[in-house]
Amino acid sequence: MNNHIPSARSGITVVIPTIPARPACLVQAQFSAWQNTLRPDGFSVALDVAAEGAAPTRNRALMNVRASESPWVAFLDDDDEMMPEHLEKLARHAEETGADFVYSWFEMIGGKDPFPETHFTNEFDPENPIETTITTLVRTELAQEVGFHRLEERQFNSGEDYNFVLGCVKAGANIKHLVDRTWYYNVHGDNTGGLPWDWRKV
């Protein structure tokens, strides 16, 4: 299931769902990706003007990516930021391990990491899959096959993202964890945006 990152182009599109209240955050998120040592080929941004929530908005942005032109997608929330080597490190790890899905970890800005320490330190176990966060590098065809779907009711925080992980496991994806902090998880006073629970930071 692995595709290698092309040498001339990164082969990566950054996928960002956003809301009207966050134009400055969106610009900063895009700027952080554009400043990466492995520069993305482009962005696919979807604006949630009807308070649909994160999952359907992210899904619209994802489905606008052409897998034939961009074999990889890198997900980023509109209020988070990539460190300068985020894409390069994840792409290298994908190439070295044959992964279809790579996730690293974050440096928390303005809050406390809500996940257990083992989420950062341990390898991913498909027999006991964890929620990986959404800031990942995923093979485009795999991501589009699984997609993002709104939960009917609140089951757990960020359950829609976890359902994506479970869908990738079910599809037989090779999921690898890069034990490194390569992006910034920003927590601030207005990052719920007044939207449903699945957009909220813990």
Protein backbone atom coordinates (compact mmCIF):
# COMPACT_ATOMS: atom_id res chain seq x y z
CA MET A 1 0.00 0.00 0.00
CA ASN A 2 3.06 2.29 0.15
CA ASN A 3 3.82 5.11 -2.31
CA HIS A 4 7.24 6.78 -2.17
CA ILE A 5 7.48 10.54 -1.90
CA PRO A 6 8.61 11.91 -5.30
CA SER A 7 11.97 13.72 -5.31
CA ALA A 8 11.05 16.71 -7.51
CA ARG A 9 7.76 17.43 -5.75
CA SER A 10 6.79 16.59 -2.20
CA GLY A 11 3.62 14.83 -3.36
CA ILE A 12 1.86 16.24 -0.30
CA THR A 13 -1.29 18.35 -0.05
CA VAL A 14 -2.08 19.92 3.31
CA VAL A 15 -5.76 19.47 4.20
CA ILE A 16 -7.29 22.07 6.53
CA PRO A 17 -10.90 22.50 7.68
CA THR A 18 -11.63 26.00 8.94
CA ILE A 19 -14.38 28.29 10.21
CA PRO A 20 -15.14 31.95 9.38
CA ALA A 21 -14.04 33.12 12.85
CA ARG A 22 -10.44 32.01 12.34
CA PRO A 23 -8.94 33.78 9.29
CA ALA A 24 -5.76 34.76 11.15
CA CYS A 25 -5.33 31.25 12.54
CA LEU A 26 -5.75 29.78 9.06
CA VAL A 27 -3.09 32.07 7.61
CA GLN A 28 -0.68 31.12 10.39
CA ALA A 29 -1.38 27.40 9.92
CA GLN A 30 -0.77 27.64 6.18
CA PHE A 31 2.35 29.73 6.70
CA SER A 32 3.78 27.13 9.08
CA ALA A 33 3.27 24.42 6.46
CA TRP A 34 4.67 26.55 3.63
CA GLN A 35 7.82 27.21 5.66
CA ASN A 36 8.55 23.50 6.01
CA THR A 37 11.86 22.13 4.79
CA LEU A 38 9.79 19.77 2.63
CA ARG A 39 7.34 22.21 1.11
CA PRO A 40 3.83 20.93 0.32
CA ASP A 41 2.62 21.04 -3.27
CA GLY A 42 -0.51 22.88 -2.16
CA PHE A 43 -3.44 23.21 0.21
CA SER A 44 -7.01 21.98 0.22
CA VAL A 45 -9.06 24.16 2.56
CA ALA A 46 -12.78 23.76 3.28
CA LEU A 47 -14.76 26.47 5.06
CA ASP A 48 -17.53 25.44 7.46
CA VAL A 49 -20.18 28.12 7.02
CA ALA A 50 -23.10 25.99 8.22
CA ALA A 51 -21.67 24.67 11.52
CA GLU A 52 -21.44 21.16 10.11
CA GLY A 53 -18.51 20.32 12.36
CA ALA A 54 -14.93 19.20 11.85
CA ALA A 55 -15.44 15.80 10.24
CA PRO A 56 -17.66 16.70 7.26
CA THR A 57 -15.65 19.87 6.64
CA ARG A 58 -12.35 17.98 6.71
CA ASN A 59 -13.89 15.33 4.47
CA ARG A 60 -14.85 17.93 1.85
CA ALA A 61 -11.31 19.28 1.82
CA LEU A 62 -9.92 15.74 1.58
CA MET A 63 -12.14 14.72 -1.33
CA ASN A 64 -10.98 17.74 -3.33
CA VAL A 65 -7.45 16.32 -3.47
CA ARG A 66 -6.51 14.39 -6.61
CA ALA A 67 -4.65 11.26 -5.54
CA SER A 68 -3.04 10.97 -8.98
CA GLU A 69 -1.34 14.34 -8.44
CA SER A 70 -0.84 14.20 -4.67
CA PRO A 71 -0.27 10.68 -3.30
CA TRP A 72 -0.11 12.00 0.27
CA VAL A 73 -2.23 14.28 2.43
CA ALA A 74 -1.09 16.00 5.61
CA PHE A 75 -3.91 16.96 7.96
CA LEU A 76 -3.73 20.13 10.02
CA ASP A 77 -6.34 21.94 12.10
CA ASP A 78 -6.70 25.64 11.35
CA ASP A 79 -5.52 26.67 14.83
CA ASP A 80 -2.45 24.43 15.01
CA GLU A 81 0.98 24.79 13.39
CA MET A 82 3.69 22.59 11.92
CA MET A 83 7.28 22.83 13.07
CA PRO A 84 9.69 23.47 10.16
CA GLU A 85 10.71 19.81 9.70
CA HIS A 86 7.28 18.24 10.32
CA LEU A 87 6.58 17.14 6.75
CA GLU A 88 10.15 16.09 6.02
CA LYS A 89 10.36 13.93 9.13
CA LEU A 90 6.99 12.25 8.55
CA ALA A 91 7.67 11.68 4.85
CA ARG A 92 11.08 10.18 5.61
CA HIS A 93 9.57 7.90 8.24
CA ALA A 94 6.89 6.77 5.78
CA GLU A 95 9.54 5.95 3.17
CA GLU A 96 11.80 4.14 5.63
CA THR A 97 9.03 2.02 7.16
CA GLY A 98 6.71 1.52 4.19
CA ALA A 99 3.92 3.19 6.15
CA ASP A 100 0.59 4.32 4.74
CA PHE A 101 -0.13 6.51 7.78
CA VAL A 102 2.44 8.27 9.97
CA TYR A 103 1.84 10.32 13.09
CA SER A 104 4.21 12.14 15.39
CA TRP A 105 3.40 14.12 18.52
CA PHE A 106 3.04 17.74 19.55
CA GLU A 107 4.34 20.45 21.79
CA MET A 108 1.43 21.85 23.80
CA ILE A 109 0.96 25.63 23.71
CA GLY A 110 -1.38 27.05 26.33
CA GLY A 111 -2.55 23.82 27.93
CA LYS A 112 -1.69 20.34 29.19
CA ASP A 113 -1.39 17.24 27.03
CA PRO A 114 -4.73 15.42 27.49
CA PHE A 115 -3.35 12.07 26.30
CA PRO A 116 -1.51 9.44 28.36
CA GLU A 117 2.30 9.63 28.08
CA THR A 118 2.33 6.22 26.38
CA HIS A 119 0.54 7.73 23.36
CA PHE A 120 3.80 9.59 22.72
CA THR A 121 6.32 6.94 23.72
CA ASN A 122 4.81 3.68 22.44
CA GLU A 123 4.66 2.21 18.95
CA PHE A 124 1.25 1.95 17.33
CA ASP A 125 -0.37 -1.44 17.95
CA PRO A 126 -3.13 -2.29 15.43
CA GLU A 127 -4.47 -4.87 17.88
CA ASN A 128 -4.99 -2.10 20.45
CA PRO A 129 -5.31 1.07 18.36
CA ILE A 130 -5.13 4.44 20.03
CA GLU A 131 -6.34 7.87 18.96
CA THR A 132 -3.36 9.37 17.15
CA THR A 133 -4.50 13.03 16.88
CA ILE A 134 -5.37 14.33 13.43
CA THR A 135 -2.07 16.00 12.47
CA THR A 136 -0.86 13.06 10.40
CA LEU A 137 0.57 12.14 7.00
CA VAL A 138 -1.65 9.63 5.19
CA ARG A 139 -1.67 8.08 1.75
CA THR A 140 -4.38 9.95 -0.17
CA GLU A 141 -6.14 6.91 -1.58
CA LEU A 142 -6.37 5.36 1.88
CA ALA A 143 -7.65 8.57 3.48
CA GLN A 144 -10.31 9.01 0.80
CA GLU A 145 -11.37 5.37 1.06
CA VAL A 146 -11.95 5.71 4.81
CA GLY A 147 -13.10 9.35 5.00
CA PHE A 148 -14.37 11.35 7.95
CA HIS A 149 -17.90 11.01 9.28
CA ARG A 150 -19.85 12.82 11.97
CA LEU A 151 -20.76 10.75 15.01
CA GLU A 152 -24.44 10.41 15.78
CA GLU A 153 -23.81 11.15 19.44
CA ARG A 154 -20.91 12.01 21.69
CA GLN A 155 -18.97 8.87 22.49
CA PHE A 156 -15.57 10.28 23.42
CA ASN A 157 -13.50 13.37 22.69
CA SER A 158 -12.49 13.68 19.03
CA GLY A 159 -14.34 10.42 18.31
CA GLU A 160 -14.60 11.25 14.62
CA ASP A 161 -10.81 11.37 14.36
CA TYR A 162 -10.50 8.08 16.23
CA ASN A 163 -13.05 6.52 13.88
CA PHE A 164 -10.75 7.52 11.02
CA VAL A 165 -7.87 5.68 12.70
CA LEU A 166 -10.05 2.61 13.22
CA GLY A 167 -11.17 2.77 9.59
CA CYS A 168 -7.55 2.83 8.45
CA VAL A 169 -6.75 -0.17 10.66
CA LYS A 170 -9.72 -2.04 9.19
CA ALA A 171 -8.49 -1.21 5.69
CA GLY A 172 -5.18 -2.91 6.50
CA ALA A 173 -3.09 0.26 6.64
CA ASN A 174 0.47 0.16 7.88
CA ILE A 175 0.37 2.81 10.65
CA LYS A 176 3.66 3.98 12.12
CA HIS A 177 4.48 6.32 14.98
CA LEU A 178 7.40 8.73 14.78
CA VAL A 179 8.42 9.31 18.39
CA ASP A 180 9.15 13.00 17.97
CA ARG A 181 7.39 16.31 18.61
CA THR A 182 6.98 17.98 15.23
CA TRP A 183 3.96 20.30 15.53
CA TYR A 184 2.29 22.78 17.88
CA TYR A 185 -1.06 22.02 19.52
CA ASN A 186 -2.48 25.48 20.30
CA VAL A 187 -5.05 25.86 23.05
CA HIS A 188 -6.68 29.26 23.39
CA GLY A 189 -9.85 30.92 24.61
CA ASP A 190 -11.81 30.92 21.38
CA ASN A 191 -10.75 27.69 19.73
CA THR A 192 -14.13 26.04 20.19
CA GLY A 193 -15.47 28.57 17.70
CA GLY A 194 -18.99 27.96 19.01
CA LEU A 195 -19.12 24.74 16.98
CA PRO A 196 -20.14 21.25 18.08
CA TRP A 197 -18.07 19.37 20.66
CA ASP A 198 -15.85 17.61 18.15
CA TRP A 199 -14.07 20.86 17.35
CA ARG A 200 -13.14 21.54 20.97
CA LYS A 201 -9.70 21.20 22.46
CA VAL A 202 -9.36 19.50 25.82
